[in-house]
Amino acid sequence: AQNTVTGSLGLVFAALFARSVSKVNEVHLWTLYAVLTLLHIFANMQCMKLVAFDSLNSARMNLVAGEFFRGLNNISSNNNTSQRKNKGSSDPSPTISGPV
């Protein structure tokens, strides 16, 4: 509903703007166009900062799953390495592997 209202208002103002620009100096017209374009880009950037997704799309899910499984693989390989080292030692205490 909000998108429909803002789109309709945009069309009304665009029609009014199109009728009025025929009487404006070309330099002023391009200046106004540049200012309005920059204002539009700034407003869109601010809106994008407000958007928060509660779900994962397929690209995000692939990144999350890849990092998760990569972490599991690192943990598994660290545990296998430490178990092989412990088999030959006389110290029965377990070793803790991973980042300190």
PDB file of N, CA and C in Angstrom:
ATOM      1  N   ALA A   1       0.835  -1.193   0.000  1.00  0.00           N
ATOM      2  CA  ALA A   1       0.000   0.000   0.000  1.00  0.00           C
ATOM      3  C   ALA A   1       0.877   1.253   0.000  1.00  0.00           C
ATOM      4  N   GLN A   2       1.936   1.224   0.804  1.00  0.00           N
ATOM      5  CA  GLN A   2       2.815   2.396   0.870  1.00  0.00           C
ATOM      6  C   GLN A   2       3.503   2.624  -0.473  1.00  0.00           C
ATOM      7  N   ASN A   3       3.902   1.550  -1.126  1.00  0.00           N
ATOM      8  CA  ASN A   3       4.556   1.661  -2.424  1.00  0.00           C
ATOM      9  C   ASN A   3       3.599   2.239  -3.462  1.00  0.00           C
ATOM     10  N   THR A   4       2.334   1.867  -3.410  1.00  0.00           N
ATOM     11  CA  THR A   4       1.335   2.383  -4.355  1.00  0.00           C
ATOM     12  C   THR A   4       1.130   3.877  -4.158  1.00  0.00           C
ATOM     13  N   VAL A   5       1.038   4.313  -2.908  1.00  0.00           N
ATOM     14  CA  VAL A   5       0.839   5.739  -2.623  1.00  0.00           C
ATOM     15  C   VAL A   5       2.041   6.549  -3.082  1.00  0.00           C
ATOM     16  N   THR A   6       3.243   6.100  -2.754  1.00  0.00           N
ATOM     17  CA  THR A   6       4.429   6.865  -3.155  1.00  0.00           C
ATOM     18  C   THR A   6       4.602   6.860  -4.674  1.00  0.00           C
ATOM     19  N   GLY A   7       4.267   5.749  -5.312  1.00  0.00           N
ATOM     20  CA  GLY A   7       4.337   5.705  -6.784  1.00  0.00           C
ATOM     21  C   GLY A   7       3.346   6.658  -7.418  1.00  0.00           C
ATOM     22  N   SER A   8       2.150   6.727  -6.887  1.00  0.00           N
ATOM     23  CA  SER A   8       1.122   7.640  -7.415  1.00  0.00           C
ATOM     24  C   SER A   8       1.527   9.090  -7.215  1.00  0.00           C
ATOM     25  N   LEU A   9       2.036   9.399  -6.026  1.00  0.00           N
ATOM     26  CA  LEU A   9       2.498  10.773  -5.780  1.00  0.00           C
ATOM     27  C   LEU A   9       3.656  11.133  -6.717  1.00  0.00           C
ATOM     28  N   GLY A  10       4.535  10.168  -6.961  1.00  0.00           N
ATOM     29  CA  GLY A  10       5.642  10.403  -7.885  1.00  0.00           C
ATOM     30  C   GLY A  10       5.153  10.714  -9.285  1.00  0.00           C
ATOM     31  N   LEU A  11       4.133  10.004  -9.741  1.00  0.00           N
ATOM     32  CA  LEU A  11       3.575  10.269 -11.073  1.00  0.00           C
ATOM     33  C   LEU A  11       2.950  11.659 -11.142  1.00  0.00           C
ATOM     34  N   VAL A  12       2.221  12.060 -10.114  1.00  0.00           N
ATOM     35  CA  VAL A  12       1.588  13.385 -10.095  1.00  0.00           C
ATOM     36  C   VAL A  12       2.655  14.471 -10.137  1.00  0.00           C
ATOM     37  N   PHE A  13       3.663  14.360  -9.275  1.00  0.00           N
ATOM     38  CA  PHE A  13       4.721  15.370  -9.258  1.00  0.00           C
ATOM     39  C   PHE A  13       5.538  15.353 -10.549  1.00  0.00           C
ATOM     40  N   ALA A  14       5.739  14.189 -11.140  1.00  0.00           N
ATOM     41  CA  ALA A  14       6.464  14.116 -12.420  1.00  0.00           C
ATOM     42  C   ALA A  14       5.692  14.833 -13.516  1.00  0.00           C
ATOM     43  N   ALA A  15       4.367  14.683 -13.534  1.00  0.00           N
ATOM     44  CA  ALA A  15       3.542  15.367 -14.537  1.00  0.00           C
ATOM     45  C   ALA A  15       3.606  16.876 -14.341  1.00  0.00           C
ATOM     46  N   LEU A  16       3.507  17.322 -13.099  1.00  0.00           N
ATOM     47  CA  LEU A  16       3.601  18.759 -12.820  1.00  0.00           C
ATOM     48  C   LEU A  16       4.990  19.285 -13.174  1.00  0.00           C
ATOM     49  N   PHE A  17       6.002  18.531 -12.856  1.00  0.00           N
ATOM     50  CA  PHE A  17       7.371  18.934 -13.148  1.00  0.00           C
ATOM     51  C   PHE A  17       7.603  19.017 -14.656  1.00  0.00           C
ATOM     52  N   ALA A  18       7.081  18.038 -15.405  1.00  0.00           N
ATOM     53  CA  ALA A  18       7.264  18.014 -16.862  1.00  0.00           C
ATOM     54  C   ALA A  18       6.607  19.224 -17.521  1.00  0.00           C
ATOM     55  N   ARG A  19       5.475  19.656 -16.995  1.00  0.00           N
ATOM     56  CA  ARG A  19       4.798  20.825 -17.577  1.00  0.00           C
ATOM     57  C   ARG A  19       5.564  22.108 -17.282  1.00  0.00           C
ATOM     58  N   SER A  20       6.223  22.165 -16.124  1.00  0.00           N
ATOM     59  CA  SER A  20       6.871  23.418 -15.724  1.00  0.00           C
ATOM     60  C   SER A  20       8.280  23.570 -16.282  1.00  0.00           C
ATOM     61  N   VAL A  21       8.938  22.511 -16.688  1.00  0.00           N
ATOM     62  CA  VAL A  21      10.337  22.614 -17.109  1.00  0.00           C
ATOM     63  C   VAL A  21      10.497  23.205 -18.500  1.00  0.00           C
ATOM     64  N   SER A  22       9.457  23.278 -19.259  1.00  0.00           N
ATOM     65  CA  SER A  22       9.589  23.828 -20.607  1.00  0.00           C
ATOM     66  C   SER A  22       9.919  25.318 -20.570  1.00  0.00           C
ATOM     67  N   LYS A  23       9.673  25.972 -19.451  1.00  0.00           N
ATOM     68  CA  LYS A  23       9.922  27.419 -19.338  1.00  0.00           C
ATOM     69  C   LYS A  23      11.208  27.733 -18.572  1.00  0.00           C
ATOM     70  N   VAL A  24      11.974  26.705 -18.216  1.00  0.00           N
ATOM     71  CA  VAL A  24      13.157  26.883 -17.369  1.00  0.00           C
ATOM     72  C   VAL A  24      14.417  26.890 -18.226  1.00  0.00           C
ATOM     73  N   ASN A  25      15.403  27.693 -17.807  1.00  0.00           N
ATOM     74  CA  ASN A  25      16.711  27.767 -18.450  1.00  0.00           C
ATOM     75  C   ASN A  25      17.355  26.379 -18.410  1.00  0.00           C
ATOM     76  N   GLU A  26      18.081  26.015 -19.457  1.00  0.00           N
ATOM     77  CA  GLU A  26      18.662  24.676 -19.558  1.00  0.00           C
ATOM     78  C   GLU A  26      19.663  24.390 -18.440  1.00  0.00           C
ATOM     79  N   VAL A  27      20.470  25.355 -18.059  1.00  0.00           N
ATOM     80  CA  VAL A  27      21.446  25.168 -16.990  1.00  0.00           C
ATOM     81  C   VAL A  27      20.726  24.900 -15.664  1.00  0.00           C
ATOM     82  N   HIS A  28      19.669  25.672 -15.397  1.00  0.00           N
ATOM     83  CA  HIS A  28      18.893  25.464 -14.176  1.00  0.00           C
ATOM     84  C   HIS A  28      18.220  24.091 -14.182  1.00  0.00           C
ATOM     85  N   LEU A  29      17.775  23.675 -15.346  1.00  0.00           N
ATOM     86  CA  LEU A  29      17.105  22.382 -15.470  1.00  0.00           C
ATOM     87  C   LEU A  29      18.064  21.232 -15.142  1.00  0.00           C
ATOM     88  N   TRP A  30      19.290  21.283 -15.693  1.00  0.00           N
ATOM     89  CA  TRP A  30      20.264  20.235 -15.420  1.00  0.00           C
ATOM     90  C   TRP A  30      20.714  20.257 -13.962  1.00  0.00           C
ATOM     91  N   THR A  31      20.823  21.449 -13.391  1.00  0.00           N
ATOM     92  CA  THR A  31      21.174  21.563 -11.977  1.00  0.00           C
ATOM     93  C   THR A  31      20.087  20.938 -11.105  1.00  0.00           C
ATOM     94  N   LEU A  32      18.843  21.255 -11.419  1.00  0.00           N
ATOM     95  CA  LEU A  32      17.722  20.681 -10.677  1.00  0.00           C
ATOM     96  C   LEU A  32      17.678  19.167 -10.835  1.00  0.00           C
ATOM     97  N   TYR A  33      17.936  18.689 -12.049  1.00  0.00           N
ATOM     98  CA  TYR A  33      17.962  17.246 -12.293  1.00  0.00           C
ATOM     99  C   TYR A  33      19.048  16.575 -11.450  1.00  0.00           C
ATOM    100  N   ALA A  34      20.240  17.170 -11.412  1.00  0.00           N
ATOM    101  CA  ALA A  34      21.349  16.593 -10.643  1.00  0.00           C
ATOM    102  C   ALA A  34      21.026  16.576  -9.156  1.00  0.00           C
ATOM    103  N   VAL A  35      20.463  17.663  -8.639  1.00  0.00           N
ATOM    104  CA  VAL A  35      20.119  17.738  -7.217  1.00  0.00           C
ATOM    105  C   VAL A  35      19.055  16.701  -6.864  1.00  0.00           C
ATOM    106  N   LEU A  36      18.018  16.603  -7.691  1.00  0.00           N
ATOM    107  CA  LEU A  36      16.956  15.632  -7.418  1.00  0.00           C
ATOM    108  C   LEU A  36      17.466  14.192  -7.529  1.00  0.00           C
ATOM    109  N   THR A  37      18.368  13.940  -8.475  1.00  0.00           N
ATOM    110  CA  THR A  37      18.935  12.597  -8.618  1.00  0.00           C
ATOM    111  C   THR A  37      19.772  12.233  -7.398  1.00  0.00           C
ATOM    112  N   LEU A  38      20.604  13.149  -6.931  1.00  0.00           N
ATOM    113  CA  LEU A  38      21.415  12.894  -5.738  1.00  0.00           C
ATOM    114  C   LEU A  38      20.534  12.699  -4.504  1.00  0.00           C
ATOM    115  N   LEU A  39      19.473  13.485  -4.398  1.00  0.00           N
ATOM    116  CA  LEU A  39      18.539  13.325  -3.288  1.00  0.00           C
ATOM    117  C   LEU A  39      17.869  11.955  -3.339  1.00  0.00           C
ATOM    118  N   HIS A  40      17.509  11.514  -4.520  1.00  0.00           N
ATOM    119  CA  HIS A  40      16.884  10.208  -4.701  1.00  0.00           C
ATOM    120  C   HIS A  40      17.849   9.078  -4.307  1.00  0.00           C
ATOM    121  N   ILE A  41      19.097   9.166  -4.741  1.00  0.00           N
ATOM    122  CA  ILE A  41      20.097   8.145  -4.410  1.00  0.00           C
ATOM    123  C   ILE A  41      20.346   8.117  -2.905  1.00  0.00           C
ATOM    124  N   PHE A  42      20.450   9.295  -2.291  1.00  0.00           N
ATOM    125  CA  PHE A  42      20.657   9.365  -0.842  1.00  0.00           C
ATOM    126  C   PHE A  42      19.483   8.735  -0.095  1.00  0.00           C
ATOM    127  N   ALA A  43      18.259   9.048  -0.510  1.00  0.00           N
ATOM    128  CA  ALA A  43      17.077   8.485   0.142  1.00  0.00           C
ATOM    129  C   ALA A  43      17.040   6.965  -0.009  1.00  0.00           C
ATOM    130  N   ASN A  44      17.403   6.456  -1.176  1.00  0.00           N
ATOM    131  CA  ASN A  44      17.434   5.006  -1.378  1.00  0.00           C
ATOM    132  C   ASN A  44      18.488   4.340  -0.502  1.00  0.00           C
ATOM    133  N   MET A  45      19.635   4.976  -0.354  1.00  0.00           N
ATOM    134  CA  MET A  45      20.682   4.410   0.495  1.00  0.00           C
ATOM    135  C   MET A  45      20.227   4.364   1.946  1.00  0.00           C
ATOM    136  N   GLN A  46      19.539   5.396   2.401  1.00  0.00           N
ATOM    137  CA  GLN A  46      19.033   5.409   3.766  1.00  0.00           C
ATOM    138  C   GLN A  46      17.975   4.328   3.969  1.00  0.00           C
ATOM    139  N   CYS A  47      17.140   4.118   2.973  1.00  0.00           N
ATOM    140  CA  CYS A  47      16.115   3.073   3.064  1.00  0.00           C
ATOM    141  C   CYS A  47      16.749   1.686   3.104  1.00  0.00           C
ATOM    142  N   MET A  48      17.809   1.474   2.346  1.00  0.00           N
ATOM    143  CA  MET A  48      18.468   0.170   2.338  1.00  0.00           C
ATOM    144  C   MET A  48      19.088  -0.147   3.697  1.00  0.00           C
ATOM    145  N   LYS A  49      19.508   0.883   4.431  1.00  0.00           N
ATOM    146  CA  LYS A  49      20.069   0.654   5.761  1.00  0.00           C
ATOM    147  C   LYS A  49      18.990   0.195   6.737  1.00  0.00           C
ATOM    148  N   LEU A  50      17.738   0.561   6.467  1.00  0.00           N
ATOM    149  CA  LEU A  50      16.642   0.205   7.366  1.00  0.00           C
ATOM    150  C   LEU A  50      16.100  -1.195   7.125  1.00  0.00           C
ATOM    151  N   VAL A  51      16.359  -1.735   5.929  1.00  0.00           N
ATOM    152  CA  VAL A  51      15.806  -3.035   5.579  1.00  0.00           C
ATOM    153  C   VAL A  51      16.578  -4.131   6.312  1.00  0.00           C
ATOM    154  N   ALA A  52      15.858  -5.000   7.000  1.00  0.00           N
ATOM    155  CA  ALA A  52      16.471  -6.125   7.707  1.00  0.00           C
ATOM    156  C   ALA A  52      15.753  -7.395   7.289  1.00  0.00           C
ATOM    157  N   PHE A  53      16.513  -8.368   6.814  1.00  0.00           N
ATOM    158  CA  PHE A  53      15.926  -9.632   6.380  1.00  0.00           C
ATOM    159  C   PHE A  53      15.979 -10.632   7.526  1.00  0.00           C
ATOM    160  N   ASP A  54      14.837 -11.250   7.800  1.00  0.00           N
ATOM    161  CA  ASP A  54      14.769 -12.260   8.851  1.00  0.00           C
ATOM    162  C   ASP A  54      15.070 -13.656   8.321  1.00  0.00           C
ATOM    163  N   SER A  55      15.199 -13.795   7.027  1.00  0.00           N
ATOM    164  CA  SER A  55      15.445 -15.110   6.443  1.00  0.00           C
ATOM    165  C   SER A  55      16.669 -15.040   5.535  1.00  0.00           C
ATOM    166  N   LEU A  56      17.130 -16.198   5.122  1.00  0.00           N
ATOM    167  CA  LEU A  56      18.294 -16.285   4.245  1.00  0.00           C
ATOM    168  C   LEU A  56      17.843 -16.632   2.830  1.00  0.00           C
ATOM    169  N   ASN A  57      18.360 -15.889   1.847  1.00  0.00           N
ATOM    170  CA  ASN A  57      18.124 -16.310   0.468  1.00  0.00           C
ATOM    171  C   ASN A  57      19.145 -17.398   0.128  1.00  0.00           C
ATOM    172  N   SER A  58      19.065 -17.933  -1.056  1.00  0.00           N
ATOM    173  CA  SER A  58      19.924 -19.078  -1.392  1.00  0.00           C
ATOM    174  C   SER A  58      21.407 -18.710  -1.372  1.00  0.00           C
ATOM    175  N   ALA A  59      21.765 -17.509  -1.817  1.00  0.00           N
ATOM    176  CA  ALA A  59      23.180 -17.115  -1.816  1.00  0.00           C
ATOM    177  C   ALA A  59      23.708 -16.994  -0.390  1.00  0.00           C
ATOM    178  N   ARG A  60      22.922 -16.365   0.495  1.00  0.00           N
ATOM    179  CA  ARG A  60      23.354 -16.240   1.883  1.00  0.00           C
ATOM    180  C   ARG A  60      23.429 -17.612   2.554  1.00  0.00           C
ATOM    181  N   MET A  61      22.460 -18.463   2.261  1.00  0.00           N
ATOM    182  CA  MET A  61      22.450 -19.795   2.857  1.00  0.00           C
ATOM    183  C   MET A  61      23.681 -20.592   2.423  1.00  0.00           C
ATOM    184  N   ASN A  62      24.086 -20.468   1.153  1.00  0.00           N
ATOM    185  CA  ASN A  62      25.297 -21.151   0.679  1.00  0.00           C
ATOM    186  C   ASN A  62      26.532 -20.659   1.424  1.00  0.00           C
ATOM    187  N   LEU A  63      26.618 -19.347   1.658  1.00  0.00           N
ATOM    188  CA  LEU A  63      27.763 -18.809   2.398  1.00  0.00           C
ATOM    189  C   LEU A  63      27.793 -19.320   3.835  1.00  0.00           C
ATOM    190  N   VAL A  64      26.642 -19.269   4.494  1.00  0.00           N
ATOM    191  CA  VAL A  64      26.575 -19.715   5.894  1.00  0.00           C
ATOM    192  C   VAL A  64      26.891 -21.203   6.000  1.00  0.00           C
ATOM    193  N   ALA A  65      26.274 -22.019   5.145  1.00  0.00           N
ATOM    194  CA  ALA A  65      26.495 -23.464   5.192  1.00  0.00           C
ATOM    195  C   ALA A  65      27.956 -23.797   4.856  1.00  0.00           C
ATOM    196  N   GLY A  66      28.534 -23.116   3.869  1.00  0.00           N
ATOM    197  CA  GLY A  66      29.926 -23.360   3.508  1.00  0.00           C
ATOM    198  C   GLY A  66      30.873 -23.066   4.658  1.00  0.00           C
ATOM    199  N   GLU A  67      30.660 -21.938   5.340  1.00  0.00           N
ATOM    200  CA  GLU A  67      31.506 -21.599   6.485  1.00  0.00           C
ATOM    201  C   GLU A  67      31.303 -22.596   7.626  1.00  0.00           C
ATOM    202  N   PHE A  68      30.055 -23.009   7.841  1.00  0.00           N
ATOM    203  CA  PHE A  68      29.777 -23.971   8.906  1.00  0.00           C
ATOM    204  C   PHE A  68      30.497 -25.287   8.656  1.00  0.00           C
ATOM    205  N   PHE A  69      30.358 -25.831   7.444  1.00  0.00           N
ATOM    206  CA  PHE A  69      30.981 -27.117   7.144  1.00  0.00           C
ATOM    207  C   PHE A  69      32.499 -27.006   7.077  1.00  0.00           C
ATOM    208  N   ARG A  70      33.011 -25.868   6.646  1.00  0.00           N
ATOM    209  CA  ARG A  70      34.454 -25.654   6.635  1.00  0.00           C
ATOM    210  C   ARG A  70      34.985 -25.669   8.068  1.00  0.00           C
ATOM    211  N   GLY A  71      34.234 -25.062   8.989  1.00  0.00           N
ATOM    212  CA  GLY A  71      34.618 -25.071  10.398  1.00  0.00           C
ATOM    213  C   GLY A  71      34.575 -26.469  10.974  1.00  0.00           C
ATOM    214  N   LEU A  72      33.541 -27.252  10.635  1.00  0.00           N
ATOM    215  CA  LEU A  72      33.465 -28.636  11.105  1.00  0.00           C
ATOM    216  C   LEU A  72      34.628 -29.458  10.573  1.00  0.00           C
ATOM    217  N   ASN A  73      34.979 -29.236   9.319  1.00  0.00           N
ATOM    218  CA  ASN A  73      36.092 -29.963   8.708  1.00  0.00           C
ATOM    219  C   ASN A  73      37.395 -29.620   9.412  1.00  0.00           C
ATOM    220  N   ASN A  74      37.596 -28.347   9.758  1.00  0.00           N
ATOM    221  CA  ASN A  74      38.813 -27.940  10.473  1.00  0.00           C
ATOM    222  C   ASN A  74      38.869 -28.567  11.851  1.00  0.00           C
ATOM    223  N   ILE A  75      37.748 -28.595  12.555  1.00  0.00           N
ATOM    224  CA  ILE A  75      37.712 -29.194  13.887  1.00  0.00           C
ATOM    225  C   ILE A  75      38.017 -30.687  13.794  1.00  0.00           C
ATOM    226  N   SER A  76      37.403 -31.351  12.812  1.00  0.00           N
ATOM    227  CA  SER A  76      37.614 -32.796  12.637  1.00  0.00           C
ATOM    228  C   SER A  76      39.069 -33.096  12.310  1.00  0.00           C
ATOM    229  N   SER A  77      39.678 -32.342  11.437  1.00  0.00           N
ATOM    230  CA  SER A  77      41.072 -32.611  11.070  1.00  0.00           C
ATOM    231  C   SER A  77      42.008 -32.304  12.228  1.00  0.00           C
ATOM    232  N   ASN A  78      41.702 -31.282  13.035  1.00  0.00           N
ATOM    233  CA  ASN A  78      42.530 -30.988  14.220  1.00  0.00           C
ATOM    234  C   ASN A  78      42.424 -32.103  15.244  1.00  0.00           C
ATOM    235  N   ASN A  79      41.231 -32.642  15.442  1.00  0.00           N
ATOM    236  CA  ASN A  79      41.059 -33.733  16.399  1.00  0.00           C
ATOM    237  C   ASN A  79      41.785 -34.993  15.938  1.00  0.00           C
ATOM    238  N   ASN A  80      41.724 -35.312  14.658  1.00  0.00           N
ATOM    239  CA  ASN A  80      42.418 -36.491  14.130  1.00  0.00           C
ATOM    240  C   ASN A  80      43.919 -36.356  14.300  1.00  0.00           C
ATOM    241  N   THR A  81      44.451 -35.185  14.056  1.00  0.00           N
ATOM    242  CA  THR A  81      45.878 -34.942  14.193  1.00  0.00           C
ATOM    243  C   THR A  81      46.314 -35.090  15.642  1.00  0.00           C
ATOM    244  N   SER A  82      45.529 -34.517  16.564  1.00  0.00           N
ATOM    245  CA  SER A  82      45.916 -34.605  17.978  1.00  0.00           C
ATOM    246  C   SER A  82      45.768 -36.033  18.497  1.00  0.00           C
ATOM    247  N   GLN A  83      44.815 -36.810  17.993  1.00  0.00           N
ATOM    248  CA  GLN A  83      44.664 -38.203  18.428  1.00  0.00           C
ATOM    249  C   GLN A  83      45.856 -39.042  17.967  1.00  0.00           C
ATOM    250  N   ARG A  84      46.334 -38.783  16.745  1.00  0.00           N
ATOM    251  CA  ARG A  84      47.494 -39.529  16.252  1.00  0.00           C
ATOM    252  C   ARG A  84      48.729 -39.192  17.079  1.00  0.00           C
ATOM    253  N   LYS A  85      48.886 -37.941  17.490  1.00  0.00           N
ATOM    254  CA  LYS A  85      50.027 -37.533  18.298  1.00  0.00           C
ATOM    255  C   LYS A  85      49.951 -38.168  19.684  1.00  0.00           C
ATOM    256  N   ASN A  86      48.749 -38.271  20.229  1.00  0.00           N
ATOM    257  CA  ASN A  86      48.576 -38.808  21.592  1.00  0.00           C
ATOM    258  C   ASN A  86      48.805 -40.313  21.665  1.00  0.00           C
ATOM    259  N   LYS A  87      48.597 -41.045  20.600  1.00  0.00           N
ATOM    260  CA  LYS A  87      48.766 -42.506  20.626  1.00  0.00           C
ATOM    261  C   LYS A  87      50.210 -42.878  20.936  1.00  0.00           C
ATOM    262  N   GLY A  88      51.165 -42.095  20.484  1.00  0.00           N
ATOM    263  CA  GLY A  88      52.556 -42.425  20.692  1.00  0.00           C
ATOM    264  C   GLY A  88      53.119 -41.868  21.983  1.00  0.00           C
ATOM    265  N   SER A  89      52.405 -41.013  22.689  1.00  0.00           N
ATOM    266  CA  SER A  89      52.955 -40.397  23.895  1.00  0.00           C
ATOM    267  C   SER A  89      52.573 -41.197  25.128  1.00  0.00           C
ATOM    268  N   SER A  90      53.366 -41.045  26.197  1.00  0.00           N
ATOM    269  CA  SER A  90      53.082 -41.758  27.437  1.00  0.00           C
ATOM    270  C   SER A  90      52.154 -40.963  28.337  1.00  0.00           C
ATOM    271  N   ASP A  91      51.886 -39.691  28.008  1.00  0.00           N
ATOM    272  CA  ASP A  91      51.015 -38.838  28.814  1.00  0.00           C
ATOM    273  C   ASP A  91      49.560 -39.141  28.470  1.00  0.00           C
ATOM    274  N   PRO A  92      48.747 -39.653  29.434  1.00  0.00           N
ATOM    275  CA  PRO A  92      47.367 -40.002  29.132  1.00  0.00           C
ATOM    276  C   PRO A  92      46.423 -38.805  29.088  1.00  0.00           C
ATOM    277  N   SER A  93      46.866 -37.590  29.433  1.00  0.00           N
ATOM    278  CA  SER A  93      45.958 -36.431  29.454  1.00  0.00           C
ATOM    279  C   SER A  93      45.634 -36.000  28.018  1.00  0.00           C
ATOM    280  N   PRO A  94      44.379 -35.613  27.798  1.00  0.00           N
ATOM    281  CA  PRO A  94      43.992 -35.189  26.450  1.00  0.00           C
ATOM    282  C   PRO A  94      44.594 -33.837  26.103  1.00  0.00           C
ATOM    283  N   THR A  95      44.852 -33.628  24.845  1.00  0.00           N
ATOM    284  CA  THR A  95      45.350 -32.328  24.397  1.00  0.00           C
ATOM    285  C   THR A  95      44.203 -31.550  23.804  1.00  0.00           C
ATOM    286  N   ILE A  96      44.223 -30.260  24.026  1.00  0.00           N
ATOM    287  CA  ILE A  96      43.191 -29.378  23.490  1.00  0.00           C
ATOM    288  C   ILE A  96      43.763 -28.720  22.240  1.00  0.00           C
ATOM    289  N   SER A  97      43.063 -28.892  21.141  1.00  0.00           N
ATOM    290  CA  SER A  97      43.551 -28.286  19.904  1.00  0.00           C
ATOM    291  C   SER A  97      42.611 -27.164  19.512  1.00  0.00           C
ATOM    292  N   GLY A  98      43.084 -26.307  18.685  1.00  0.00           N
ATOM    293  CA  GLY A  98      42.265 -25.196  18.208  1.00  0.00           C
ATOM    294  C   GLY A  98      42.925 -23.876  18.568  1.00  0.00           C
ATOM    295  N   PRO A  99      42.283 -22.787  18.182  1.00  0.00           N
ATOM    296  CA  PRO A  99      42.864 -21.462  18.452  1.00  0.00           C
ATOM    297  C   PRO A  99      42.869 -21.155  19.941  1.00  0.00           C
ATOM    298  N   VAL A 100      43.894 -20.473  20.378  1.00  0.00           N
ATOM    299  CA  VAL A 100      44.029 -20.137  21.792  1.00  0.00           C
ATOM    300  C   VAL A 100      43.644 -18.705  22.001  1.00  0.00           C
TER     301      VAL A 100
END
